[in-house]
């Protein structure tokens, strides 16, 4: 333990991390998060931390470090797993290369509404928790991003209208979606979106209303199709050993606050969706309710990608899809 404490002190995280919480009777937990302090996910986490502090009478204090200021997004999961920090937040689908079950909420057009996304989370939470438990991680709660919509320079009435369109892709799933719809994928990260459109590298993208509003999409595209393609989730996890070392009352307080945060976070995501669509509309974008023809074509592509995912996910994937279909 002394060696661990020395390491943590060297890293600047202090000696009050999870692994010493049980013996001290009180704990101060550092919590890295990937997004800025004003992001709705972070705001929700701040309230979660307040609830935990209040419920434990100050015996468990979670200090939130937003915007990757303590640990960058790609390293957060392993930092919690290894006990470097006791708790953290990350985008679940970032782990898709480790296990296909982590990608289920990002399969295009499998769950195309908040109601469907809730049902999918209910069907997949067990296998996801089981997979993360093998890495010494306990799931506290998960909150979705606003649903993904299609941005284009014209109204898109059918999948055929997308043939040959230069499409912004940011992962292998987006590249596959582009291939199946006849588009030409180009890798573009969020900070480079405006320049990519202005220079003609891309003509269309699928992303959330949040990203659309934050990148001022009205400067380079005219139409937002509210396709609600998928709702990827951020997950909040705690190191299993850190959790086990908490007194039972503090464990109960943490789980209760997590339950409230999940409920509050889903509502905040829906509010964020409406607010950011309103911002785009105010700035002159045409907000399109997708045609039945377009949605049929997109869901056909989603079906093909679901079948491909099912093969990768094996028995767990089949179980998730069976539970989701009921």
C-alpha atoms as a PDB file:
ATOM      1  CA  UNK A   1       0.000   0.000   0.000  1.00  0.00           C
ATOM      2  CA  UNK A   2       2.843   2.400   0.807  1.00  0.00           C
ATOM      3  CA  UNK A   3       4.290   1.846  -2.634  1.00  0.00           C
ATOM      4  CA  UNK A   4       0.922   2.573  -4.265  1.00  0.00           C
ATOM      5  CA  UNK A   5       0.478   5.730  -2.197  1.00  0.00           C
ATOM      6  CA  UNK A   6       3.912   6.977  -3.217  1.00  0.00           C
ATOM      7  CA  UNK A   7       3.070   6.402  -6.860  1.00  0.00           C
ATOM      8  CA  UNK A   8      -0.188   8.309  -6.579  1.00  0.00           C
ATOM      9  CA  UNK A   9       1.511  11.201  -4.816  1.00  0.00           C
ATOM     10  CA  UNK A  10       4.089  11.351  -7.585  1.00  0.00           C
ATOM     11  CA  UNK A  11       1.315  11.540 -10.153  1.00  0.00           C
ATOM     12  CA  UNK A  12      -0.285  14.391  -8.265  1.00  0.00           C
ATOM     13  CA  UNK A  13      -3.529  12.596  -7.431  1.00  0.00           C
ATOM     14  CA  UNK A  14      -2.991  12.622  -3.663  1.00  0.00           C
ATOM     15  CA  UNK A  15      -3.146   9.830  -1.139  1.00  0.00           C
ATOM     16  CA  UNK A  16      -6.890   9.916  -0.586  1.00  0.00           C
ATOM     17  CA  UNK A  17      -7.899   7.745  -3.525  1.00  0.00           C
ATOM     18  CA  UNK A  18     -10.214   4.792  -3.392  1.00  0.00           C
ATOM     19  CA  UNK A  19      -7.825   2.094  -2.282  1.00  0.00           C
ATOM     20  CA  UNK A  20      -7.346   3.754   1.117  1.00  0.00           C
ATOM     21  CA  UNK A  21     -10.949   4.809   1.611  1.00  0.00           C
ATOM     22  CA  UNK A  22     -12.147   1.936   3.777  1.00  0.00           C
ATOM     23  CA  UNK A  23      -9.599   2.394   6.552  1.00  0.00           C
ATOM     24  CA  UNK A  24      -9.870   6.150   6.844  1.00  0.00           C
ATOM     25  CA  UNK A  25     -13.661   6.254   7.304  1.00  0.00           C
ATOM     26  CA  UNK A  26     -13.815   9.098   4.793  1.00  0.00           C
ATOM     27  CA  UNK A  27     -12.638   9.436   1.207  1.00  0.00           C
ATOM     28  CA  UNK A  28     -11.891  12.115  -1.349  1.00  0.00           C
ATOM     29  CA  UNK A  29     -12.238  10.689  -4.838  1.00  0.00           C
ATOM     30  CA  UNK A  30     -10.828  12.305  -7.984  1.00  0.00           C
ATOM     31  CA  UNK A  31     -13.097  11.791 -10.997  1.00  0.00           C
ATOM     32  CA  UNK A  32     -11.813  12.489 -14.524  1.00  0.00           C
ATOM     33  CA  UNK A  33     -14.386  13.306 -17.212  1.00  0.00           C
ATOM     34  CA  UNK A  34     -13.757  13.932 -20.933  1.00  0.00           C
ATOM     35  CA  UNK A  35     -16.038  16.896 -21.587  1.00  0.00           C
ATOM     36  CA  UNK A  36     -16.123  20.551 -20.559  1.00  0.00           C
ATOM     37  CA  UNK A  37     -17.720  21.907 -17.413  1.00  0.00           C
ATOM     38  CA  UNK A  38     -20.793  23.237 -19.246  1.00  0.00           C
ATOM     39  CA  UNK A  39     -21.521  20.012 -21.151  1.00  0.00           C
ATOM     40  CA  UNK A  40     -24.785  18.490 -19.950  1.00  0.00           C
ATOM     41  CA  UNK A  41     -23.048  15.223 -19.067  1.00  0.00           C
ATOM     42  CA  UNK A  42     -20.592  17.070 -16.817  1.00  0.00           C
ATOM     43  CA  UNK A  43     -23.294  19.224 -15.248  1.00  0.00           C
ATOM     44  CA  UNK A  44     -25.158  16.033 -14.368  1.00  0.00           C
ATOM     45  CA  UNK A  45     -22.022  14.505 -12.863  1.00  0.00           C
ATOM     46  CA  UNK A  46     -21.457  17.607 -10.737  1.00  0.00           C
ATOM     47  CA  UNK A  47     -24.966  17.177  -9.301  1.00  0.00           C
ATOM     48  CA  UNK A  48     -24.250  13.467  -8.757  1.00  0.00           C
ATOM     49  CA  UNK A  49     -21.151  14.397  -6.751  1.00  0.00           C
ATOM     50  CA  UNK A  50     -23.161  16.888  -4.685  1.00  0.00           C
ATOM     51  CA  UNK A  51     -25.775  14.222  -3.953  1.00  0.00           C
ATOM     52  CA  UNK A  52     -23.116  11.751  -2.812  1.00  0.00           C
ATOM     53  CA  UNK A  53     -21.492  14.281  -0.512  1.00  0.00           C
ATOM     54  CA  UNK A  54     -24.809  15.243   1.027  1.00  0.00           C
ATOM     55  CA  UNK A  55     -26.013  11.662   1.456  1.00  0.00           C
ATOM     56  CA  UNK A  56     -22.772  10.579   3.144  1.00  0.00           C
ATOM     57  CA  UNK A  57     -22.487  13.633   5.377  1.00  0.00           C
ATOM     58  CA  UNK A  58     -19.249  14.602   3.645  1.00  0.00           C
ATOM     59  CA  UNK A  59     -17.601  11.216   4.233  1.00  0.00           C
ATOM     60  CA  UNK A  60     -17.372  10.558   0.496  1.00  0.00           C
ATOM     61  CA  UNK A  61     -16.403  13.575  -1.590  1.00  0.00           C
ATOM     62  CA  UNK A  62     -16.049  13.293  -5.371  1.00  0.00           C
ATOM     63  CA  UNK A  63     -13.941  16.004  -7.007  1.00  0.00           C
ATOM     64  CA  UNK A  64     -14.847  16.240 -10.695  1.00  0.00           C
ATOM     65  CA  UNK A  65     -12.063  17.087 -13.171  1.00  0.00           C
ATOM     66  CA  UNK A  66     -13.793  18.038 -16.470  1.00  0.00           C
ATOM     67  CA  UNK A  67     -12.459  18.392 -19.986  1.00  0.00           C
ATOM     68  CA  UNK A  68      -9.749  15.759 -19.731  1.00  0.00           C
ATOM     69  CA  UNK A  69      -7.856  18.025 -17.342  1.00  0.00           C
ATOM     70  CA  UNK A  70      -6.759  15.171 -15.074  1.00  0.00           C
ATOM     71  CA  UNK A  71      -6.715  12.215 -17.474  1.00  0.00           C
ATOM     72  CA  UNK A  72      -7.441  12.269 -21.203  1.00  0.00           C
ATOM     73  CA  UNK A  73     -10.476  10.429 -22.543  1.00  0.00           C
ATOM     74  CA  UNK A  74      -8.663   7.427 -24.078  1.00  0.00           C
ATOM     75  CA  UNK A  75      -6.930   6.672 -20.761  1.00  0.00           C
ATOM     76  CA  UNK A  76      -9.840   7.097 -18.333  1.00  0.00           C
ATOM     77  CA  UNK A  77     -11.132   3.528 -18.415  1.00  0.00           C
ATOM     78  CA  UNK A  78      -7.756   1.975 -17.690  1.00  0.00           C
ATOM     79  CA  UNK A  79      -7.007   4.593 -15.035  1.00  0.00           C
ATOM     80  CA  UNK A  80     -10.100   3.468 -13.122  1.00  0.00           C
ATOM     81  CA  UNK A  81      -9.392  -0.190 -13.804  1.00  0.00           C
ATOM     82  CA  UNK A  82      -5.851   0.084 -12.432  1.00  0.00           C
ATOM     83  CA  UNK A  83      -6.861   2.097  -9.360  1.00  0.00           C
ATOM     84  CA  UNK A  84      -5.100   5.246 -10.497  1.00  0.00           C
ATOM     85  CA  UNK A  85      -8.424   6.976  -9.878  1.00  0.00           C
ATOM     86  CA  UNK A  86     -11.478   5.370  -8.275  1.00  0.00           C
ATOM     87  CA  UNK A  87     -14.201   6.641 -10.615  1.00  0.00           C
ATOM     88  CA  UNK A  88     -14.532   8.049 -14.127  1.00  0.00           C
ATOM     89  CA  UNK A  89     -16.636   8.641 -17.230  1.00  0.00           C
ATOM     90  CA  UNK A  90     -16.080   7.579 -20.849  1.00  0.00           C
ATOM     91  CA  UNK A  91     -17.942   6.903 -24.090  1.00  0.00           C
ATOM     92  CA  UNK A  92     -18.937   3.245 -23.953  1.00  0.00           C
ATOM     93  CA  UNK A  93     -18.504   2.547 -27.656  1.00  0.00           C
ATOM     94  CA  UNK A  94     -14.830   3.536 -27.412  1.00  0.00           C
ATOM     95  CA  UNK A  95     -14.331  -0.001 -26.086  1.00  0.00           C
ATOM     96  CA  UNK A  96     -15.820  -1.690 -29.171  1.00  0.00           C
ATOM     97  CA  UNK A  97     -12.463  -3.196 -30.178  1.00  0.00           C
ATOM     98  CA  UNK A  98     -12.260  -4.944 -26.794  1.00  0.00           C
ATOM     99  CA  UNK A  99     -15.710  -6.505 -26.920  1.00  0.00           C
ATOM    100  CA  UNK A 100     -18.515  -6.018 -29.435  1.00  0.00           C
ATOM    101  CA  UNK A 101     -21.156  -5.717 -26.694  1.00  0.00           C
ATOM    102  CA  UNK A 102     -19.771  -2.261 -25.902  1.00  0.00           C
ATOM    103  CA  UNK A 103     -20.765  -1.128 -29.407  1.00  0.00           C
ATOM    104  CA  UNK A 104     -24.428  -2.087 -29.269  1.00  0.00           C
ATOM    105  CA  UNK A 105     -25.715   1.447 -28.649  1.00  0.00           C
ATOM    106  CA  UNK A 106     -23.866   2.694 -31.734  1.00  0.00           C
ATOM    107  CA  UNK A 107     -25.298   0.258 -34.280  1.00  0.00           C
ATOM    108  CA  UNK A 108     -26.972   2.540 -36.843  1.00  0.00           C
ATOM    109  CA  UNK A 109     -30.769   2.535 -36.729  1.00  0.00           C
ATOM    110  CA  UNK A 110     -31.110  -0.303 -34.264  1.00  0.00           C
ATOM    111  CA  UNK A 111     -32.572   2.024 -31.620  1.00  0.00           C
ATOM    112  CA  UNK A 112     -33.877   5.204 -33.240  1.00  0.00           C
ATOM    113  CA  UNK A 113     -35.615   7.014 -30.375  1.00  0.00           C
ATOM    114  CA  UNK A 114     -35.157   7.662 -26.674  1.00  0.00           C
ATOM    115  CA  UNK A 115     -37.758   5.015 -25.893  1.00  0.00           C
ATOM    116  CA  UNK A 116     -35.973   2.432 -28.022  1.00  0.00           C
ATOM    117  CA  UNK A 117     -32.604   3.453 -26.552  1.00  0.00           C
ATOM    118  CA  UNK A 118     -33.937   2.922 -23.019  1.00  0.00           C
ATOM    119  CA  UNK A 119     -35.174  -0.515 -23.994  1.00  0.00           C
ATOM    120  CA  UNK A 120     -31.816  -1.366 -25.569  1.00  0.00           C
ATOM    121  CA  UNK A 121     -29.979  -0.241 -22.425  1.00  0.00           C
ATOM    122  CA  UNK A 122     -32.241  -2.470 -20.376  1.00  0.00           C
ATOM    123  CA  UNK A 123     -31.484  -5.413 -22.660  1.00  0.00           C
ATOM    124  CA  UNK A 124     -27.731  -4.818 -22.797  1.00  0.00           C
ATOM    125  CA  UNK A 125     -26.868  -3.553 -19.330  1.00  0.00           C
ATOM    126  CA  UNK A 126     -26.395  -7.035 -17.842  1.00  0.00           C
ATOM    127  CA  UNK A 127     -23.889  -8.292 -20.448  1.00  0.00           C
ATOM    128  CA  UNK A 128     -22.100  -4.923 -20.424  1.00  0.00           C
ATOM    129  CA  UNK A 129     -21.812  -4.966 -16.630  1.00  0.00           C
ATOM    130  CA  UNK A 130     -20.537  -8.542 -16.768  1.00  0.00           C
ATOM    131  CA  UNK A 131     -17.877  -7.657 -19.352  1.00  0.00           C
ATOM    132  CA  UNK A 132     -16.704  -4.612 -17.405  1.00  0.00           C
ATOM    133  CA  UNK A 133     -16.692  -6.554 -14.123  1.00  0.00           C
ATOM    134  CA  UNK A 134     -13.969  -8.755 -15.625  1.00  0.00           C
ATOM    135  CA  UNK A 135     -11.876  -5.587 -15.756  1.00  0.00           C
ATOM    136  CA  UNK A 136     -12.588  -4.714 -12.110  1.00  0.00           C
ATOM    137  CA  UNK A 137     -15.101  -2.038 -13.116  1.00  0.00           C
ATOM    138  CA  UNK A 138     -18.580  -1.587 -11.642  1.00  0.00           C
ATOM    139  CA  UNK A 139     -21.166   0.321 -13.700  1.00  0.00           C
ATOM    140  CA  UNK A 140     -22.915   3.092 -11.801  1.00  0.00           C
ATOM    141  CA  UNK A 141     -25.032   4.624 -14.568  1.00  0.00           C
ATOM    142  CA  UNK A 142     -25.133   5.613 -18.236  1.00  0.00           C
ATOM    143  CA  UNK A 143     -26.550   8.619 -20.101  1.00  0.00           C
ATOM    144  CA  UNK A 144     -27.029   8.943 -23.883  1.00  0.00           C
ATOM    145  CA  UNK A 145     -25.928  11.690 -26.198  1.00  0.00           C
ATOM    146  CA  UNK A 146     -28.627  13.290 -28.346  1.00  0.00           C
ATOM    147  CA  UNK A 147     -29.609  11.085 -31.296  1.00  0.00           C
ATOM    148  CA  UNK A 148     -27.554  11.210 -34.477  1.00  0.00           C
ATOM    149  CA  UNK A 149     -28.999  13.051 -37.462  1.00  0.00           C
ATOM    150  CA  UNK A 150     -28.059  13.516 -41.122  1.00  0.00           C
ATOM    151  CA  UNK A 151     -26.609  16.883 -42.193  1.00  0.00           C
ATOM    152  CA  UNK A 152     -26.554  17.678 -45.912  1.00  0.00           C
ATOM    153  CA  UNK A 153     -26.519  20.511 -48.411  1.00  0.00           C
ATOM    154  CA  UNK A 154     -29.924  19.496 -49.754  1.00  0.00           C
ATOM    155  CA  UNK A 155     -33.032  17.579 -48.777  1.00  0.00           C
ATOM    156  CA  UNK A 156     -32.368  13.834 -48.853  1.00  0.00           C
ATOM    157  CA  UNK A 157     -35.518  11.915 -49.692  1.00  0.00           C
ATOM    158  CA  UNK A 158     -34.053   8.446 -50.143  1.00  0.00           C
ATOM    159  CA  UNK A 159     -30.817   6.556 -49.612  1.00  0.00           C
ATOM    160  CA  UNK A 160     -30.244   6.684 -53.368  1.00  0.00           C
ATOM    161  CA  UNK A 161     -29.826  10.470 -53.088  1.00  0.00           C
ATOM    162  CA  UNK A 162     -26.642   9.851 -51.095  1.00  0.00           C
ATOM    163  CA  UNK A 163     -24.802   7.932 -53.801  1.00  0.00           C
ATOM    164  CA  UNK A 164     -21.405   9.475 -54.455  1.00  0.00           C
ATOM    165  CA  UNK A 165     -21.734  12.027 -51.653  1.00  0.00           C
ATOM    166  CA  UNK A 166     -18.506  12.715 -49.753  1.00  0.00           C
ATOM    167  CA  UNK A 167     -19.297  11.712 -46.184  1.00  0.00           C
ATOM    168  CA  UNK A 168     -17.566  12.533 -42.918  1.00  0.00           C
ATOM    169  CA  UNK A 169     -16.574   9.302 -41.164  1.00  0.00           C
ATOM    170  CA  UNK A 170     -14.949   9.122 -37.740  1.00  0.00           C
ATOM    171  CA  UNK A 171     -14.794   5.365 -37.080  1.00  0.00           C
ATOM    172  CA  UNK A 172     -15.102   2.022 -38.848  1.00  0.00           C
ATOM    173  CA  UNK A 173     -18.873   1.865 -38.315  1.00  0.00           C
ATOM    174  CA  UNK A 174     -19.309   5.183 -40.149  1.00  0.00           C
ATOM    175  CA  UNK A 175     -17.104   3.955 -42.969  1.00  0.00           C
ATOM    176  CA  UNK A 176     -19.265   0.850 -43.259  1.00  0.00           C
ATOM    177  CA  UNK A 177     -22.441   2.933 -43.233  1.00  0.00           C
ATOM    178  CA  UNK A 178     -21.018   5.051 -46.039  1.00  0.00           C
ATOM    179  CA  UNK A 179     -20.122   1.970 -48.082  1.00  0.00           C
ATOM    180  CA  UNK A 180     -23.577   0.434 -47.730  1.00  0.00           C
ATOM    181  CA  UNK A 181     -25.301   3.687 -48.721  1.00  0.00           C
ATOM    182  CA  UNK A 182     -23.042   4.440 -51.675  1.00  0.00           C
ATOM    183  CA  UNK A 183     -21.270   7.396 -50.085  1.00  0.00           C
ATOM    184  CA  UNK A 184     -17.538   8.092 -50.137  1.00  0.00           C
ATOM    185  CA  UNK A 185     -16.126   8.159 -46.577  1.00  0.00           C
ATOM    186  CA  UNK A 186     -13.485  10.624 -45.435  1.00  0.00           C
ATOM    187  CA  UNK A 187     -11.989  10.654 -41.933  1.00  0.00           C
ATOM    188  CA  UNK A 188     -12.675  13.999 -40.234  1.00  0.00           C
ATOM    189  CA  UNK A 189     -12.472  14.795 -36.523  1.00  0.00           C
ATOM    190  CA  UNK A 190     -14.882  17.230 -34.847  1.00  0.00           C
ATOM    191  CA  UNK A 191     -12.520  20.257 -34.708  1.00  0.00           C
ATOM    192  CA  UNK A 192     -11.914  19.945 -38.466  1.00  0.00           C
ATOM    193  CA  UNK A 193     -15.571  19.707 -39.528  1.00  0.00           C
ATOM    194  CA  UNK A 194     -16.088  23.344 -40.678  1.00  0.00           C
ATOM    195  CA  UNK A 195     -12.891  23.366 -42.756  1.00  0.00           C
ATOM    196  CA  UNK A 196     -13.653  19.959 -44.274  1.00  0.00           C
ATOM    197  CA  UNK A 197     -17.003  21.216 -45.542  1.00  0.00           C
ATOM    198  CA  UNK A 198     -15.697  24.592 -46.695  1.00  0.00           C
ATOM    199  CA  UNK A 199     -12.913  22.991 -48.719  1.00  0.00           C
ATOM    200  CA  UNK A 200     -15.205  20.381 -50.266  1.00  0.00           C
ATOM    201  CA  UNK A 201     -13.626  17.363 -48.571  1.00  0.00           C
ATOM    202  CA  UNK A 202     -17.073  16.335 -47.322  1.00  0.00           C
ATOM    203  CA  UNK A 203     -20.660  17.219 -48.214  1.00  0.00           C
ATOM    204  CA  UNK A 204     -22.602  15.355 -45.520  1.00  0.00           C
ATOM    205  CA  UNK A 205     -22.259  13.926 -42.029  1.00  0.00           C
ATOM    206  CA  UNK A 206     -24.203  12.128 -39.339  1.00  0.00           C
ATOM    207  CA  UNK A 207     -23.790  13.527 -35.862  1.00  0.00           C
ATOM    208  CA  UNK A 208     -25.775  14.864 -32.920  1.00  0.00           C
ATOM    209  CA  UNK A 209     -27.629  18.200 -32.718  1.00  0.00           C
ATOM    210  CA  UNK A 210     -25.067  19.161 -30.067  1.00  0.00           C
ATOM    211  CA  UNK A 211     -22.161  18.830 -32.494  1.00  0.00           C
ATOM    212  CA  UNK A 212     -24.163  20.501 -35.235  1.00  0.00           C
ATOM    213  CA  UNK A 213     -24.890  23.547 -33.125  1.00  0.00           C
ATOM    214  CA  UNK A 214     -21.422  23.702 -31.597  1.00  0.00           C
ATOM    215  CA  UNK A 215     -19.717  23.608 -35.011  1.00  0.00           C
ATOM    216  CA  UNK A 216     -22.224  26.134 -36.463  1.00  0.00           C
ATOM    217  CA  UNK A 217     -23.335  23.702 -39.125  1.00  0.00           C
ATOM    218  CA  UNK A 218     -25.550  26.378 -40.720  1.00  0.00           C
ATOM    219  CA  UNK A 219     -22.376  27.923 -42.126  1.00  0.00           C
ATOM    220  CA  UNK A 220     -21.744  24.927 -44.398  1.00  0.00           C
ATOM    221  CA  UNK A 221     -24.935  22.845 -44.750  1.00  0.00           C
ATOM    222  CA  UNK A 222     -28.590  23.745 -45.130  1.00  0.00           C
ATOM    223  CA  UNK A 223     -30.550  20.671 -43.969  1.00  0.00           C
ATOM    224  CA  UNK A 224     -30.673  18.654 -40.756  1.00  0.00           C
ATOM    225  CA  UNK A 225     -32.625  15.389 -41.065  1.00  0.00           C
ATOM    226  CA  UNK A 226     -33.743  14.262 -37.618  1.00  0.00           C
ATOM    227  CA  UNK A 227     -33.127  10.573 -38.310  1.00  0.00           C
ATOM    228  CA  UNK A 228     -32.301   9.664 -34.683  1.00  0.00           C
ATOM    229  CA  UNK A 229     -29.881   7.079 -36.022  1.00  0.00           C
ATOM    230  CA  UNK A 230     -28.492   5.949 -32.665  1.00  0.00           C
ATOM    231  CA  UNK A 231     -27.930   7.286 -29.158  1.00  0.00           C
ATOM    232  CA  UNK A 232     -24.393   6.460 -27.969  1.00  0.00           C
ATOM    233  CA  UNK A 233     -23.957   6.507 -24.205  1.00  0.00           C
ATOM    234  CA  UNK A 234     -21.393   7.740 -21.729  1.00  0.00           C
ATOM    235  CA  UNK A 235     -20.921   5.339 -18.840  1.00  0.00           C
ATOM    236  CA  UNK A 236     -19.794   6.143 -15.300  1.00  0.00           C
ATOM    237  CA  UNK A 237     -17.829   3.368 -13.617  1.00  0.00           C
ATOM    238  CA  UNK A 238     -16.142   2.834 -10.271  1.00  0.00           C
ATOM    239  CA  UNK A 239     -13.168   0.642  -9.434  1.00  0.00           C
ATOM    240  CA  UNK A 240     -14.671  -2.520  -7.921  1.00  0.00           C
ATOM    241  CA  UNK A 241     -12.129  -2.694  -5.104  1.00  0.00           C
ATOM    242  CA  UNK A 242     -12.681   0.969  -4.235  1.00  0.00           C
ATOM    243  CA  UNK A 243     -16.421   0.359  -4.071  1.00  0.00           C
ATOM    244  CA  UNK A 244     -16.010  -2.747  -1.918  1.00  0.00           C
ATOM    245  CA  UNK A 245     -13.882  -0.833   0.587  1.00  0.00           C
ATOM    246  CA  UNK A 246     -16.588   1.755   1.181  1.00  0.00           C
ATOM    247  CA  UNK A 247     -18.795   1.292   4.260  1.00  0.00           C
ATOM    248  CA  UNK A 248     -22.169  -0.224   3.340  1.00  0.00           C
ATOM    249  CA  UNK A 249     -24.007   3.051   3.973  1.00  0.00           C
ATOM    250  CA  UNK A 250     -21.714   4.886   1.564  1.00  0.00           C
ATOM    251  CA  UNK A 251     -22.141   2.165  -1.053  1.00  0.00           C
ATOM    252  CA  UNK A 252     -25.903   2.556  -0.787  1.00  0.00           C
ATOM    253  CA  UNK A 253     -25.614   6.352  -1.043  1.00  0.00           C
ATOM    254  CA  UNK A 254     -23.427   6.070  -4.151  1.00  0.00           C
ATOM    255  CA  UNK A 255     -25.846   3.679  -5.873  1.00  0.00           C
ATOM    256  CA  UNK A 256     -28.852   5.808  -4.961  1.00  0.00           C
ATOM    257  CA  UNK A 257     -27.198   8.955  -6.335  1.00  0.00           C
ATOM    258  CA  UNK A 258     -26.269   7.033  -9.487  1.00  0.00           C
ATOM    259  CA  UNK A 259     -29.858   5.947 -10.037  1.00  0.00           C
ATOM    260  CA  UNK A 260     -31.024   9.561  -9.715  1.00  0.00           C
ATOM    261  CA  UNK A 261     -28.242  10.758 -12.034  1.00  0.00           C
ATOM    262  CA  UNK A 262     -29.217   8.286 -14.748  1.00  0.00           C
ATOM    263  CA  UNK A 263     -32.844   9.407 -14.661  1.00  0.00           C
ATOM    264  CA  UNK A 264     -31.858  13.082 -14.605  1.00  0.00           C
ATOM    265  CA  UNK A 265     -29.254  12.588 -17.338  1.00  0.00           C
ATOM    266  CA  UNK A 266     -31.677  11.007 -19.807  1.00  0.00           C
ATOM    267  CA  UNK A 267     -34.060  13.927 -19.303  1.00  0.00           C
ATOM    268  CA  UNK A 268     -31.179  16.377 -19.788  1.00  0.00           C
ATOM    269  CA  UNK A 269     -30.188  14.634 -23.027  1.00  0.00           C
ATOM    270  CA  UNK A 270     -33.695  15.041 -24.398  1.00  0.00           C
ATOM    271  CA  UNK A 271     -33.718  18.712 -23.379  1.00  0.00           C
ATOM    272  CA  UNK A 272     -30.311  19.159 -25.041  1.00  0.00           C
ATOM    273  CA  UNK A 273     -31.675  17.666 -28.261  1.00  0.00           C
ATOM    274  CA  UNK A 274     -34.612  20.062 -28.405  1.00  0.00           C
ATOM    275  CA  UNK A 275     -32.487  23.075 -27.457  1.00  0.00           C
ATOM    276  CA  UNK A 276     -29.766  22.459 -30.046  1.00  0.00           C
ATOM    277  CA  UNK A 277     -32.252  21.746 -32.848  1.00  0.00           C
ATOM    278  CA  UNK A 278     -33.898  25.068 -31.962  1.00  0.00           C
ATOM    279  CA  UNK A 279     -30.509  26.807 -32.218  1.00  0.00           C
ATOM    280  CA  UNK A 280     -29.939  25.360 -35.698  1.00  0.00           C
ATOM    281  CA  UNK A 281     -33.426  26.362 -36.817  1.00  0.00           C
ATOM    282  CA  UNK A 282     -32.945  29.883 -35.468  1.00  0.00           C
ATOM    283  CA  UNK A 283     -29.789  30.171 -37.551  1.00  0.00           C
ATOM    284  CA  UNK A 284     -31.577  29.289 -40.765  1.00  0.00           C
ATOM    285  CA  UNK A 285     -31.197  25.541 -41.098  1.00  0.00           C
ATOM    286  CA  UNK A 286     -34.086  23.514 -42.481  1.00  0.00           C
ATOM    287  CA  UNK A 287     -35.107  20.872 -39.943  1.00  0.00           C
ATOM    288  CA  UNK A 288     -36.392  17.863 -41.852  1.00  0.00           C
ATOM    289  CA  UNK A 289     -38.611  15.072 -40.591  1.00  0.00           C
ATOM    290  CA  UNK A 290     -37.182  12.191 -42.634  1.00  0.00           C
ATOM    291  CA  UNK A 291     -39.409  10.631 -45.262  1.00  0.00           C
ATOM    292  CA  UNK A 292     -40.638   7.081 -44.828  1.00  0.00           C
ATOM    293  CA  UNK A 293     -38.627   6.139 -47.908  1.00  0.00           C
ATOM    294  CA  UNK A 294     -35.398   7.477 -46.435  1.00  0.00           C
ATOM    295  CA  UNK A 295     -35.954   5.815 -43.075  1.00  0.00           C
ATOM    296  CA  UNK A 296     -36.803   2.483 -44.699  1.00  0.00           C
ATOM    297  CA  UNK A 297     -33.560   2.583 -46.636  1.00  0.00           C
ATOM    298  CA  UNK A 298     -31.484   3.613 -43.623  1.00  0.00           C
ATOM    299  CA  UNK A 299     -33.025   0.940 -41.427  1.00  0.00           C
ATOM    300  CA  UNK A 300     -32.284  -1.659 -44.096  1.00  0.00           C
ATOM    301  CA  UNK A 301     -28.621  -0.652 -43.873  1.00  0.00           C
ATOM    302  CA  UNK A 302     -28.891  -0.721 -40.087  1.00  0.00           C
ATOM    303  CA  UNK A 303     -30.280  -4.233 -40.295  1.00  0.00           C
ATOM    304  CA  UNK A 304     -27.290  -5.392 -42.301  1.00  0.00           C
ATOM    305  CA  UNK A 305     -24.916  -3.783 -39.799  1.00  0.00           C
ATOM    306  CA  UNK A 306     -26.847  -5.358 -36.912  1.00  0.00           C
ATOM    307  CA  UNK A 307     -26.365  -8.797 -38.485  1.00  0.00           C
ATOM    308  CA  UNK A 308     -22.650  -8.120 -38.851  1.00  0.00           C
ATOM    309  CA  UNK A 309     -22.442  -6.992 -35.222  1.00  0.00           C
ATOM    310  CA  UNK A 310     -24.342 -10.064 -34.030  1.00  0.00           C
ATOM    311  CA  UNK A 311     -21.730 -12.343 -35.569  1.00  0.00           C
ATOM    312  CA  UNK A 312     -18.947 -10.465 -33.759  1.00  0.00           C
ATOM    313  CA  UNK A 313     -20.803 -10.308 -30.441  1.00  0.00           C
ATOM    314  CA  UNK A 314     -21.570 -14.038 -30.304  1.00  0.00           C
ATOM    315  CA  UNK A 315     -23.850 -15.421 -27.594  1.00  0.00           C
ATOM    316  CA  UNK A 316     -24.034 -12.157 -25.675  1.00  0.00           C
ATOM    317  CA  UNK A 317     -25.056 -10.317 -28.825  1.00  0.00           C
ATOM    318  CA  UNK A 318     -27.786 -12.818 -29.587  1.00  0.00           C
ATOM    319  CA  UNK A 319     -29.068 -12.562 -26.027  1.00  0.00           C
ATOM    320  CA  UNK A 320     -29.157  -8.759 -26.170  1.00  0.00           C
ATOM    321  CA  UNK A 321     -31.030  -8.674 -29.457  1.00  0.00           C
ATOM    322  CA  UNK A 322     -33.521 -11.303 -28.272  1.00  0.00           C
ATOM    323  CA  UNK A 323     -34.272  -9.324 -25.099  1.00  0.00           C
ATOM    324  CA  UNK A 324     -34.496  -6.075 -27.073  1.00  0.00           C
ATOM    325  CA  UNK A 325     -36.957  -7.535 -29.588  1.00  0.00           C
ATOM    326  CA  UNK A 326     -39.469  -8.600 -26.920  1.00  0.00           C
END
